[in-house]
Amino acid sequence: MEGLFITLEGGDGSGKTTQAGRLEAWLTESGRSIVRTREPGGTDLGLELREIVLHRRGHIAPRAEALLYAADRAHHVETLIRPALERGDVVIQDRYIDSSVAYQGAGRVLGGDEVRDLSLWAADGLMPDLTILLDLDETEGRRRLDASRTTYDRLEAEKAEFHARVRAAYLSLAEAEPERFLVVDASLPEADIATLVRERVAGLLA
């Protein structure tokens, strides 16, 4: 069986982790071998870089931040994702190149094209077969985060204007590549979202 690369994207609080878990369970029951991972933090090196980019106290220059994410991605793709796909596994990943374009390109105002080019170089051109965008109004995302935690990472703590730019960038990416994206209203019930995701993934597996 050929491997399948699925990424989940969306703003903070949109439910990516929940839907990744539901998709993993369904595919496992179907007999597929699953590799579930995330960026940053999908490898040992990634965990160290994750601690820097999300939890370091003090300022990180936006370009330096983008380069740290690219470094994590380069190592992640070479050591984990490509080997899994070559084995025929289904890779389910929380965040990938589109996150960098949205958060660093739009959120940090570095320029989406530049960040995308950097990320594609780091990933040696590897793109997902399917990207699930869980679209949620940034104010609702903040409400969800506030209800579930008391501390925030560096990106979660950004102001509403930052997260509005991120959401707009995601929607622009999805509009430009409709064949790769599945855009789902993240305010729907979890079970309804999972059903929509399974329907799209089943089509790819067929």
N, C-alpha and C. Protein backbone atom coordinates (compact mmCIF):
# COMPACT_ATOMS: atom_id res chain seq x y z
N MET A 1 0.84 -1.19 0.00
CA MET A 1 0.00 0.00 0.00
C MET A 1 0.87 1.24 0.00
N GLU A 2 0.44 2.25 -0.74
CA GLU A 2 1.16 3.51 -0.75
C GLU A 2 0.86 4.28 0.52
N GLY A 3 1.86 5.07 0.96
CA GLY A 3 1.65 5.91 2.12
C GLY A 3 0.74 7.08 1.80
N LEU A 4 0.21 7.70 2.84
CA LEU A 4 -0.68 8.85 2.71
C LEU A 4 -0.28 9.87 3.76
N PHE A 5 -0.11 11.10 3.33
CA PHE A 5 0.35 12.17 4.22
C PHE A 5 -0.80 13.15 4.43
N ILE A 6 -1.31 13.20 5.67
CA ILE A 6 -2.44 14.05 6.04
C ILE A 6 -2.00 15.04 7.11
N THR A 7 -2.26 16.31 6.88
CA THR A 7 -1.94 17.32 7.89
C THR A 7 -3.22 17.99 8.37
N LEU A 8 -3.19 18.43 9.62
CA LEU A 8 -4.30 19.19 10.20
C LEU A 8 -3.80 20.58 10.54
N GLU A 9 -4.55 21.58 10.09
CA GLU A 9 -4.18 22.97 10.30
C GLU A 9 -5.35 23.74 10.90
N GLY A 10 -5.04 24.89 11.44
CA GLY A 10 -6.06 25.75 12.01
C GLY A 10 -5.49 26.58 13.13
N GLY A 11 -6.25 27.57 13.54
CA GLY A 11 -5.82 28.43 14.63
C GLY A 11 -5.83 27.71 15.95
N ASP A 12 -5.29 28.36 16.96
CA ASP A 12 -5.24 27.78 18.30
C ASP A 12 -6.65 27.59 18.83
N GLY A 13 -6.90 26.39 19.39
CA GLY A 13 -8.21 26.10 19.94
C GLY A 13 -9.19 25.53 18.93
N SER A 14 -8.75 25.23 17.71
CA SER A 14 -9.67 24.77 16.67
C SER A 14 -9.99 23.28 16.75
N GLY A 15 -9.26 22.52 17.57
CA GLY A 15 -9.60 21.11 17.75
C GLY A 15 -8.76 20.14 16.92
N LYS A 16 -7.58 20.54 16.50
CA LYS A 16 -6.74 19.68 15.66
C LYS A 16 -6.37 18.38 16.36
N THR A 17 -5.98 18.47 17.62
CA THR A 17 -5.56 17.28 18.36
C THR A 17 -6.71 16.29 18.51
N THR A 18 -7.89 16.80 18.80
CA THR A 18 -9.07 15.93 18.95
C THR A 18 -9.37 15.20 17.65
N GLN A 19 -9.36 15.93 16.54
CA GLN A 19 -9.69 15.30 15.26
C GLN A 19 -8.59 14.38 14.78
N ALA A 20 -7.35 14.69 15.09
CA ALA A 20 -6.26 13.78 14.74
C ALA A 20 -6.43 12.45 15.47
N GLY A 21 -6.83 12.51 16.73
CA GLY A 21 -7.05 11.29 17.50
C GLY A 21 -8.20 10.47 16.95
N ARG A 22 -9.28 11.12 16.57
CA ARG A 22 -10.43 10.40 15.99
C ARG A 22 -10.05 9.74 14.67
N LEU A 23 -9.30 10.47 13.84
CA LEU A 23 -8.89 9.92 12.55
C LEU A 23 -7.94 8.75 12.74
N GLU A 24 -7.03 8.88 13.67
CA GLU A 24 -6.09 7.80 13.95
C GLU A 24 -6.84 6.53 14.37
N ALA A 25 -7.80 6.68 15.26
CA ALA A 25 -8.56 5.52 15.74
C ALA A 25 -9.31 4.84 14.61
N TRP A 26 -9.95 5.63 13.75
CA TRP A 26 -10.72 5.07 12.63
C TRP A 26 -9.82 4.33 11.65
N LEU A 27 -8.67 4.93 11.30
CA LEU A 27 -7.77 4.29 10.35
C LEU A 27 -7.13 3.04 10.94
N THR A 28 -6.84 3.06 12.23
CA THR A 28 -6.28 1.88 12.89
C THR A 28 -7.28 0.73 12.83
N GLU A 29 -8.55 1.02 13.09
CA GLU A 29 -9.59 0.01 13.01
C GLU A 29 -9.74 -0.54 11.59
N SER A 30 -9.38 0.28 10.61
CA SER A 30 -9.46 -0.14 9.21
C SER A 30 -8.25 -0.96 8.78
N GLY A 31 -7.29 -1.12 9.69
CA GLY A 31 -6.13 -1.95 9.40
C GLY A 31 -4.93 -1.22 8.84
N ARG A 32 -4.96 0.10 8.86
CA ARG A 32 -3.82 0.86 8.35
C ARG A 32 -2.81 1.11 9.47
N SER A 33 -1.54 1.15 9.08
CA SER A 33 -0.47 1.49 10.01
C SER A 33 -0.34 3.01 10.05
N ILE A 34 -0.38 3.56 11.26
CA ILE A 34 -0.45 5.02 11.44
C ILE A 34 0.80 5.55 12.13
N VAL A 35 1.29 6.65 11.65
CA VAL A 35 2.31 7.44 12.35
C VAL A 35 1.67 8.79 12.65
N ARG A 36 1.52 9.09 13.92
CA ARG A 36 0.93 10.37 14.31
C ARG A 36 2.03 11.25 14.89
N THR A 37 2.12 12.47 14.38
CA THR A 37 3.21 13.34 14.77
C THR A 37 2.77 14.79 14.74
N ARG A 38 3.70 15.70 15.02
CA ARG A 38 3.36 17.11 15.10
C ARG A 38 4.59 17.95 14.77
N GLU A 39 4.34 19.21 14.47
CA GLU A 39 5.42 20.18 14.32
C GLU A 39 5.08 21.42 15.13
N PRO A 40 6.09 21.93 15.82
CA PRO A 40 7.38 21.30 16.08
C PRO A 40 7.24 20.23 17.16
N GLY A 41 8.22 19.33 17.22
CA GLY A 41 8.25 18.37 18.32
C GLY A 41 8.04 16.93 17.94
N GLY A 42 8.11 16.58 16.66
CA GLY A 42 7.88 15.20 16.26
C GLY A 42 9.08 14.29 16.40
N THR A 43 10.24 14.86 16.71
CA THR A 43 11.47 14.09 16.90
C THR A 43 12.16 14.59 18.16
N ASP A 44 13.25 13.92 18.54
CA ASP A 44 14.01 14.38 19.71
C ASP A 44 14.54 15.80 19.50
N LEU A 45 15.11 16.04 18.32
CA LEU A 45 15.58 17.39 18.01
C LEU A 45 14.41 18.36 18.00
N GLY A 46 13.27 17.92 17.44
CA GLY A 46 12.10 18.76 17.37
C GLY A 46 11.60 19.18 18.74
N LEU A 47 11.70 18.29 19.73
CA LEU A 47 11.27 18.65 21.08
C LEU A 47 12.13 19.78 21.64
N GLU A 48 13.43 19.74 21.35
CA GLU A 48 14.31 20.81 21.82
C GLU A 48 13.97 22.13 21.12
N LEU A 49 13.74 22.06 19.81
CA LEU A 49 13.38 23.27 19.07
C LEU A 49 12.01 23.79 19.49
N ARG A 50 11.08 22.88 19.79
CA ARG A 50 9.76 23.30 20.25
C ARG A 50 9.86 24.11 21.54
N GLU A 51 10.72 23.67 22.43
CA GLU A 51 10.88 24.38 23.69
C GLU A 51 11.39 25.80 23.45
N ILE A 52 12.25 25.96 22.45
CA ILE A 52 12.80 27.28 22.14
C ILE A 52 11.73 28.17 21.52
N VAL A 53 11.09 27.69 20.45
CA VAL A 53 10.20 28.58 19.69
C VAL A 53 8.89 28.88 20.42
N LEU A 54 8.44 27.97 21.28
CA LEU A 54 7.16 28.18 21.94
C LEU A 54 7.26 28.62 23.39
N HIS A 55 8.37 28.31 24.06
CA HIS A 55 8.41 28.56 25.50
C HIS A 55 9.61 29.37 25.97
N ARG A 56 10.49 29.78 25.05
CA ARG A 56 11.63 30.58 25.46
C ARG A 56 11.15 31.93 25.97
N ARG A 57 11.71 32.34 27.10
CA ARG A 57 11.38 33.66 27.63
C ARG A 57 12.23 34.70 26.90
N GLY A 58 11.58 35.76 26.51
CA GLY A 58 12.31 36.79 25.79
C GLY A 58 12.02 36.76 24.31
N HIS A 59 12.49 37.78 23.63
CA HIS A 59 12.19 38.00 22.21
C HIS A 59 12.97 37.04 21.33
N ILE A 60 12.32 36.58 20.25
CA ILE A 60 12.98 35.87 19.16
C ILE A 60 12.67 36.65 17.89
N ALA A 61 13.69 37.05 17.15
CA ALA A 61 13.47 37.80 15.92
C ALA A 61 12.61 36.96 14.97
N PRO A 62 11.63 37.57 14.30
CA PRO A 62 10.74 36.81 13.44
C PRO A 62 11.44 35.93 12.41
N ARG A 63 12.50 36.42 11.77
CA ARG A 63 13.21 35.60 10.80
C ARG A 63 13.91 34.43 11.48
N ALA A 64 14.43 34.65 12.67
CA ALA A 64 15.04 33.55 13.40
C ALA A 64 14.00 32.50 13.76
N GLU A 65 12.80 32.95 14.14
CA GLU A 65 11.71 32.02 14.46
C GLU A 65 11.37 31.16 13.24
N ALA A 66 11.25 31.80 12.07
CA ALA A 66 10.93 31.06 10.85
C ALA A 66 12.01 30.04 10.53
N LEU A 67 13.26 30.40 10.75
CA LEU A 67 14.36 29.47 10.48
C LEU A 67 14.38 28.30 11.46
N LEU A 68 14.01 28.54 12.69
CA LEU A 68 13.93 27.44 13.66
C LEU A 68 12.85 26.44 13.28
N TYR A 69 11.70 26.94 12.84
CA TYR A 69 10.65 26.03 12.37
C TYR A 69 11.11 25.25 11.15
N ALA A 70 11.84 25.92 10.24
CA ALA A 70 12.33 25.24 9.05
C ALA A 70 13.35 24.16 9.41
N ALA A 71 14.19 24.43 10.40
CA ALA A 71 15.16 23.43 10.83
C ALA A 71 14.47 22.20 11.39
N ASP A 72 13.45 22.43 12.21
CA ASP A 72 12.66 21.31 12.73
C ASP A 72 12.04 20.51 11.59
N ARG A 73 11.50 21.21 10.60
CA ARG A 73 10.82 20.55 9.49
C ARG A 73 11.79 19.71 8.66
N ALA A 74 12.96 20.24 8.39
CA ALA A 74 13.94 19.51 7.59
C ALA A 74 14.30 18.18 8.25
N HIS A 75 14.57 18.21 9.54
CA HIS A 75 14.94 17.00 10.27
C HIS A 75 13.75 16.04 10.36
N HIS A 76 12.59 16.58 10.60
CA HIS A 76 11.37 15.79 10.76
C HIS A 76 11.04 15.02 9.48
N VAL A 77 11.09 15.71 8.35
CA VAL A 77 10.77 15.07 7.08
C VAL A 77 11.77 13.97 6.75
N GLU A 78 13.05 14.27 6.91
CA GLU A 78 14.08 13.30 6.52
C GLU A 78 14.10 12.07 7.42
N THR A 79 13.90 12.27 8.72
CA THR A 79 14.09 11.15 9.65
C THR A 79 12.81 10.43 10.04
N LEU A 80 11.65 11.05 9.85
CA LEU A 80 10.39 10.43 10.30
C LEU A 80 9.34 10.31 9.19
N ILE A 81 9.02 11.41 8.54
CA ILE A 81 7.88 11.40 7.62
C ILE A 81 8.16 10.59 6.36
N ARG A 82 9.25 10.89 5.65
CA ARG A 82 9.53 10.16 4.41
C ARG A 82 9.70 8.65 4.65
N PRO A 83 10.44 8.24 5.67
CA PRO A 83 10.55 6.79 5.91
C PRO A 83 9.18 6.14 6.16
N ALA A 84 8.30 6.83 6.88
CA ALA A 84 6.97 6.28 7.15
C ALA A 84 6.16 6.14 5.86
N LEU A 85 6.21 7.16 5.01
CA LEU A 85 5.47 7.10 3.75
C LEU A 85 6.03 6.00 2.84
N GLU A 86 7.33 5.82 2.85
CA GLU A 86 7.95 4.77 2.03
C GLU A 86 7.55 3.38 2.50
N ARG A 87 7.25 3.25 3.80
CA ARG A 87 6.77 1.97 4.33
C ARG A 87 5.30 1.71 3.98
N GLY A 88 4.60 2.75 3.52
CA GLY A 88 3.18 2.62 3.25
C GLY A 88 2.29 3.06 4.39
N ASP A 89 2.86 3.72 5.39
CA ASP A 89 2.08 4.17 6.54
C ASP A 89 1.25 5.41 6.17
N VAL A 90 0.22 5.65 6.98
CA VAL A 90 -0.52 6.90 6.92
C VAL A 90 0.06 7.83 7.98
N VAL A 91 0.56 8.96 7.57
CA VAL A 91 1.10 9.95 8.50
C VAL A 91 0.02 10.99 8.77
N ILE A 92 -0.33 11.14 10.06
CA ILE A 92 -1.29 12.17 10.50
C ILE A 92 -0.50 13.19 11.30
N GLN A 93 -0.45 14.40 10.80
CA GLN A 93 0.44 15.39 11.41
C GLN A 93 -0.29 16.66 11.79
N ASP A 94 -0.05 17.11 13.00
CA ASP A 94 -0.57 18.36 13.52
C ASP A 94 0.41 19.48 13.14
N ARG A 95 0.03 20.29 12.14
CA ARG A 95 0.77 21.43 11.61
C ARG A 95 1.91 21.00 10.68
N TYR A 96 2.07 21.84 9.62
CA TYR A 96 3.15 21.61 8.66
C TYR A 96 3.44 22.94 7.97
N ILE A 97 3.77 22.91 6.70
CA ILE A 97 4.20 24.12 5.99
C ILE A 97 3.18 25.24 6.06
N ASP A 98 1.89 24.90 5.95
CA ASP A 98 0.86 25.94 5.96
C ASP A 98 0.86 26.72 7.27
N SER A 99 1.24 26.07 8.37
CA SER A 99 1.33 26.80 9.64
C SER A 99 2.39 27.88 9.58
N SER A 100 3.53 27.56 8.97
CA SER A 100 4.59 28.56 8.87
C SER A 100 4.15 29.73 8.00
N VAL A 101 3.48 29.42 6.88
CA VAL A 101 3.01 30.49 6.01
C VAL A 101 2.01 31.38 6.74
N ALA A 102 1.12 30.76 7.53
CA ALA A 102 0.09 31.53 8.23
C ALA A 102 0.66 32.28 9.43
N TYR A 103 1.44 31.60 10.27
CA TYR A 103 1.90 32.21 11.52
C TYR A 103 3.12 33.11 11.32
N GLN A 104 4.13 32.64 10.61
CA GLN A 104 5.31 33.48 10.40
C GLN A 104 5.12 34.41 9.20
N GLY A 105 4.57 33.86 8.10
CA GLY A 105 4.40 34.69 6.92
C GLY A 105 3.40 35.81 7.12
N ALA A 106 2.19 35.47 7.63
CA ALA A 106 1.14 36.47 7.81
C ALA A 106 1.14 37.05 9.22
N GLY A 107 1.17 36.17 10.22
CA GLY A 107 1.13 36.65 11.60
C GLY A 107 2.30 37.56 11.93
N ARG A 108 3.51 37.13 11.56
CA ARG A 108 4.72 37.94 11.81
C ARG A 108 5.01 38.92 10.67
N VAL A 109 4.20 38.88 9.63
CA VAL A 109 4.31 39.78 8.48
C VAL A 109 5.69 39.65 7.81
N LEU A 110 6.14 38.41 7.63
CA LEU A 110 7.40 38.17 6.94
C LEU A 110 7.20 37.97 5.44
N GLY A 111 5.97 37.68 5.04
CA GLY A 111 5.70 37.42 3.63
C GLY A 111 5.47 35.94 3.39
N GLY A 112 4.27 35.59 2.96
CA GLY A 112 3.93 34.18 2.80
C GLY A 112 4.76 33.46 1.77
N ASP A 113 5.05 34.11 0.63
CA ASP A 113 5.82 33.44 -0.42
C ASP A 113 7.22 33.10 0.05
N GLU A 114 7.86 34.02 0.75
CA GLU A 114 9.22 33.78 1.22
C GLU A 114 9.25 32.63 2.22
N VAL A 115 8.31 32.63 3.15
CA VAL A 115 8.28 31.57 4.16
C VAL A 115 7.95 30.23 3.52
N ARG A 116 7.04 30.23 2.55
CA ARG A 116 6.70 28.99 1.86
C ARG A 116 7.91 28.42 1.12
N ASP A 117 8.65 29.29 0.43
CA ASP A 117 9.83 28.83 -0.30
C ASP A 117 10.86 28.22 0.67
N LEU A 118 11.07 28.88 1.80
CA LEU A 118 11.99 28.36 2.80
C LEU A 118 11.54 26.99 3.31
N SER A 119 10.25 26.87 3.58
CA SER A 119 9.71 25.62 4.11
C SER A 119 9.79 24.50 3.08
N LEU A 120 9.49 24.81 1.82
CA LEU A 120 9.58 23.79 0.77
C LEU A 120 11.01 23.30 0.59
N TRP A 121 11.96 24.21 0.70
CA TRP A 121 13.36 23.81 0.61
C TRP A 121 13.72 22.90 1.78
N ALA A 122 13.28 23.27 2.98
CA ALA A 122 13.58 22.46 4.16
C ALA A 122 12.96 21.07 4.06
N ALA A 123 11.76 21.00 3.48
CA ALA A 123 11.04 19.72 3.37
C ALA A 123 11.38 18.97 2.10
N ASP A 124 12.33 19.48 1.31
CA ASP A 124 12.71 18.85 0.05
C ASP A 124 11.49 18.66 -0.85
N GLY A 125 10.58 19.64 -0.81
CA GLY A 125 9.43 19.65 -1.70
C GLY A 125 8.26 18.79 -1.30
N LEU A 126 8.32 18.12 -0.16
CA LEU A 126 7.24 17.21 0.24
C LEU A 126 6.00 17.99 0.67
N MET A 127 4.87 17.71 0.02
CA MET A 127 3.59 18.32 0.37
C MET A 127 2.59 17.25 0.77
N PRO A 128 1.61 17.60 1.59
CA PRO A 128 0.60 16.62 2.02
C PRO A 128 -0.31 16.19 0.87
N ASP A 129 -0.84 14.99 0.99
CA ASP A 129 -1.89 14.54 0.08
C ASP A 129 -3.22 15.22 0.42
N LEU A 130 -3.41 15.51 1.69
CA LEU A 130 -4.64 16.17 2.16
C LEU A 130 -4.30 17.05 3.35
N THR A 131 -4.84 18.27 3.32
CA THR A 131 -4.72 19.17 4.47
C THR A 131 -6.11 19.51 4.96
N ILE A 132 -6.39 19.19 6.21
CA ILE A 132 -7.68 19.46 6.84
C ILE A 132 -7.55 20.78 7.60
N LEU A 133 -8.26 21.79 7.14
CA LEU A 133 -8.24 23.10 7.80
C LEU A 133 -9.47 23.23 8.67
N LEU A 134 -9.26 23.27 9.97
CA LEU A 134 -10.36 23.48 10.92
C LEU A 134 -10.48 24.98 11.15
N ASP A 135 -11.45 25.56 10.49
CA ASP A 135 -11.60 27.02 10.48
C ASP A 135 -12.46 27.47 11.66
N LEU A 136 -11.92 28.40 12.45
CA LEU A 136 -12.62 28.87 13.63
C LEU A 136 -12.32 30.35 13.82
N ASP A 137 -13.35 31.11 14.15
CA ASP A 137 -13.16 32.52 14.48
C ASP A 137 -12.16 32.65 15.62
N GLU A 138 -11.24 33.59 15.48
CA GLU A 138 -10.16 33.69 16.47
C GLU A 138 -10.66 34.03 17.87
N THR A 139 -11.78 34.73 17.99
CA THR A 139 -12.31 35.04 19.32
C THR A 139 -12.86 33.78 19.99
N GLU A 140 -13.45 32.89 19.20
CA GLU A 140 -13.93 31.62 19.75
C GLU A 140 -12.74 30.73 20.12
N GLY A 141 -11.69 30.78 19.32
CA GLY A 141 -10.49 30.02 19.66
C GLY A 141 -9.91 30.48 20.99
N ARG A 142 -9.89 31.79 21.20
CA ARG A 142 -9.39 32.31 22.48
C ARG A 142 -10.27 31.89 23.63
N ARG A 143 -11.58 31.89 23.42
CA ARG A 143 -12.49 31.47 24.48
C ARG A 143 -12.23 30.02 24.87
N ARG A 144 -12.01 29.17 23.87
CA ARG A 144 -11.74 27.76 24.15
C ARG A 144 -10.44 27.60 24.93
N LEU A 145 -9.42 28.35 24.52
CA LEU A 145 -8.14 28.25 25.24
C LEU A 145 -8.30 28.73 26.68
N ASP A 146 -9.00 29.82 26.87
CA ASP A 146 -9.19 30.36 28.22
C ASP A 146 -9.92 29.37 29.12
N ALA A 147 -10.80 28.58 28.53
CA ALA A 147 -11.58 27.62 29.31
C ALA A 147 -10.79 26.37 29.67
N SER A 148 -9.67 26.15 28.97
CA SER A 148 -8.96 24.89 29.16
C SER A 148 -7.58 25.02 29.78
N ARG A 149 -7.07 26.25 29.93
CA ARG A 149 -5.71 26.40 30.46
C ARG A 149 -5.52 27.77 31.10
N THR A 150 -4.41 27.90 31.80
CA THR A 150 -4.10 29.17 32.46
C THR A 150 -2.80 29.79 31.94
N THR A 151 -2.02 29.01 31.19
CA THR A 151 -0.79 29.54 30.61
C THR A 151 -0.81 29.32 29.09
N TYR A 152 -0.07 30.16 28.36
CA TYR A 152 -0.07 30.10 26.90
C TYR A 152 1.35 30.13 26.38
N ASP A 153 1.55 29.49 25.20
CA ASP A 153 2.86 29.57 24.58
C ASP A 153 3.00 30.92 23.88
N ARG A 154 4.17 31.15 23.25
CA ARG A 154 4.46 32.46 22.68
C ARG A 154 3.47 32.85 21.59
N LEU A 155 3.03 31.90 20.78
CA LEU A 155 2.11 32.23 19.70
C LEU A 155 0.68 32.35 20.19
N GLU A 156 0.26 31.46 21.08
CA GLU A 156 -1.08 31.57 21.64
C GLU A 156 -1.30 32.89 22.34
N ALA A 157 -0.24 33.44 22.92
CA ALA A 157 -0.35 34.68 23.71
C ALA A 157 -0.42 35.93 22.84
N GLU A 158 -0.28 35.81 21.53
CA GLU A 158 -0.32 36.99 20.66
C GLU A 158 -1.72 37.61 20.67
N LYS A 159 -1.78 38.87 20.26
CA LYS A 159 -3.04 39.62 20.28
C LYS A 159 -3.99 39.14 19.19
N ALA A 160 -5.25 39.58 19.30
CA ALA A 160 -6.30 39.14 18.39
C ALA A 160 -5.96 39.49 16.94
N GLU A 161 -5.30 40.62 16.71
CA GLU A 161 -4.97 41.03 15.35
C GLU A 161 -4.04 40.02 14.68
N PHE A 162 -3.12 39.49 15.44
CA PHE A 162 -2.21 38.47 14.94
C PHE A 162 -2.99 37.24 14.49
N HIS A 163 -3.89 36.77 15.35
CA HIS A 163 -4.64 35.55 15.04
C HIS A 163 -5.65 35.77 13.91
N ALA A 164 -6.13 37.00 13.74
CA ALA A 164 -7.00 37.30 12.60
C ALA A 164 -6.22 37.20 11.30
N ARG A 165 -4.97 37.66 11.29
CA ARG A 165 -4.13 37.54 10.09
C ARG A 165 -3.84 36.08 9.79
N VAL A 166 -3.62 35.30 10.83
CA VAL A 166 -3.36 33.87 10.65
C VAL A 166 -4.56 33.18 10.00
N ARG A 167 -5.75 33.46 10.52
CA ARG A 167 -6.94 32.82 9.96
C ARG A 167 -7.14 33.22 8.50
N ALA A 168 -6.99 34.50 8.20
CA ALA A 168 -7.17 34.96 6.82
C ALA A 168 -6.16 34.29 5.88
N ALA A 169 -4.94 34.11 6.36
CA ALA A 169 -3.92 33.45 5.53
C ALA A 169 -4.28 32.00 5.26
N TYR A 170 -4.77 31.30 6.27
CA TYR A 170 -5.19 29.91 6.08
C TYR A 170 -6.28 29.82 5.01
N LEU A 171 -7.26 30.68 5.10
CA LEU A 171 -8.37 30.63 4.15
C LEU A 171 -7.90 30.96 2.73
N SER A 172 -6.93 31.85 2.61
CA SER A 172 -6.37 32.17 1.29
C SER A 172 -5.63 30.97 0.72
N LEU A 173 -4.89 30.27 1.57
CA LEU A 173 -4.17 29.07 1.13
C LEU A 173 -5.15 28.01 0.63
N ALA A 174 -6.23 27.83 1.38
CA ALA A 174 -7.22 26.82 1.00
C ALA A 174 -7.92 27.20 -0.30
N GLU A 175 -8.18 28.47 -0.50
CA GLU A 175 -8.83 28.91 -1.73
C GLU A 175 -7.92 28.69 -2.93
N ALA A 176 -6.61 28.84 -2.72
CA ALA A 176 -5.66 28.68 -3.82
C ALA A 176 -5.42 27.22 -4.19
N GLU A 177 -5.63 26.30 -3.24
CA GLU A 177 -5.39 24.87 -3.49
C GLU A 177 -6.58 24.03 -3.03
N PRO A 178 -7.73 24.19 -3.65
CA PRO A 178 -8.92 23.47 -3.19
C PRO A 178 -8.80 21.95 -3.31
N GLU A 179 -7.97 21.48 -4.24
CA GLU A 179 -7.82 20.03 -4.41
C GLU A 179 -7.07 19.39 -3.24
N ARG A 180 -6.26 20.17 -2.55
CA ARG A 180 -5.50 19.62 -1.40
C ARG A 180 -6.22 19.84 -0.08
N PHE A 181 -7.00 20.90 0.03
CA PHE A 181 -7.60 21.28 1.31
C PHE A 181 -9.02 20.74 1.46
N LEU A 182 -9.32 20.37 2.69
CA LEU A 182 -10.70 20.19 3.15
C LEU A 182 -10.92 21.22 4.24
N VAL A 183 -11.78 22.20 3.99
CA VAL A 183 -12.06 23.24 4.98
C VAL A 183 -13.33 22.85 5.74
N VAL A 184 -13.22 22.78 7.06
CA VAL A 184 -14.34 22.37 7.90
C VAL A 184 -14.61 23.45 8.94
N ASP A 185 -15.86 23.75 9.16
CA ASP A 185 -16.27 24.69 10.20
C ASP A 185 -15.99 24.04 11.56
N ALA A 186 -15.00 24.56 12.28
CA ALA A 186 -14.59 23.96 13.54
C ALA A 186 -15.56 24.21 14.68
N SER A 187 -16.62 24.99 14.43
CA SER A 187 -17.64 25.18 15.46
C SER A 187 -18.69 24.07 15.43
N LEU A 188 -18.63 23.19 14.43
CA LEU A 188 -19.54 22.06 14.37
C LEU A 188 -19.25 21.07 15.49
N PRO A 189 -20.20 20.20 15.83
CA PRO A 189 -19.93 19.15 16.82
C PRO A 189 -18.75 18.27 16.39
N GLU A 190 -17.99 17.80 17.36
CA GLU A 190 -16.80 17.00 17.07
C GLU A 190 -17.12 15.80 16.18
N ALA A 191 -18.22 15.12 16.45
CA ALA A 191 -18.57 13.93 15.68
C ALA A 191 -18.87 14.28 14.23
N ASP A 192 -19.52 15.41 14.00
CA ASP A 192 -19.83 15.83 12.63
C ASP A 192 -18.56 16.15 11.86
N ILE A 193 -17.63 16.81 12.52
CA ILE A 193 -16.35 17.11 11.88
C ILE A 193 -15.63 15.82 11.51
N ALA A 194 -15.61 14.87 12.44
CA ALA A 194 -14.94 13.60 12.20
C ALA A 194 -15.54 12.87 11.01
N THR A 195 -16.85 12.94 10.85
CA THR A 195 -17.52 12.29 9.73
C THR A 195 -17.08 12.91 8.40
N LEU A 196 -17.03 14.23 8.34
CA LEU A 196 -16.59 14.91 7.12
C LEU A 196 -15.16 14.55 6.77
N VAL A 197 -14.32 14.46 7.78
CA VAL A 197 -12.92 14.10 7.56
C VAL A 197 -12.81 12.67 7.04
N ARG A 198 -13.53 11.75 7.67
CA ARG A 198 -13.47 10.35 7.24
C ARG A 198 -13.94 10.19 5.80
N GLU A 199 -14.98 10.91 5.42
CA GLU A 199 -15.48 10.82 4.05
C GLU A 199 -14.41 11.22 3.03
N ARG A 200 -13.69 12.30 3.33
CA ARG A 200 -12.65 12.75 2.40
C ARG A 200 -11.47 11.78 2.38
N VAL A 201 -11.07 11.30 3.53
CA VAL A 201 -9.94 10.37 3.60
C VAL A 201 -10.29 9.04 2.93
N ALA A 202 -11.51 8.58 3.11
CA ALA A 202 -11.94 7.33 2.48
C ALA A 202 -11.83 7.42 0.97
N GLY A 203 -12.14 8.58 0.40
CA GLY A 203 -12.00 8.77 -1.02
C GLY A 203 -10.56 8.65 -1.49
N LEU A 204 -9.64 9.16 -0.69
CA LEU A 204 -8.22 9.06 -1.04
C LEU A 204 -7.73 7.62 -0.93
N LEU A 205 -8.17 6.91 0.07
CA LEU A 205 -7.75 5.53 0.26
C LEU A 205 -8.30 4.63 -0.84
N ALA A 206 -9.49 4.97 -1.35
CA ALA A 206 -10.09 4.15 -2.40
C ALA A 206 -9.31 4.26 -3.70
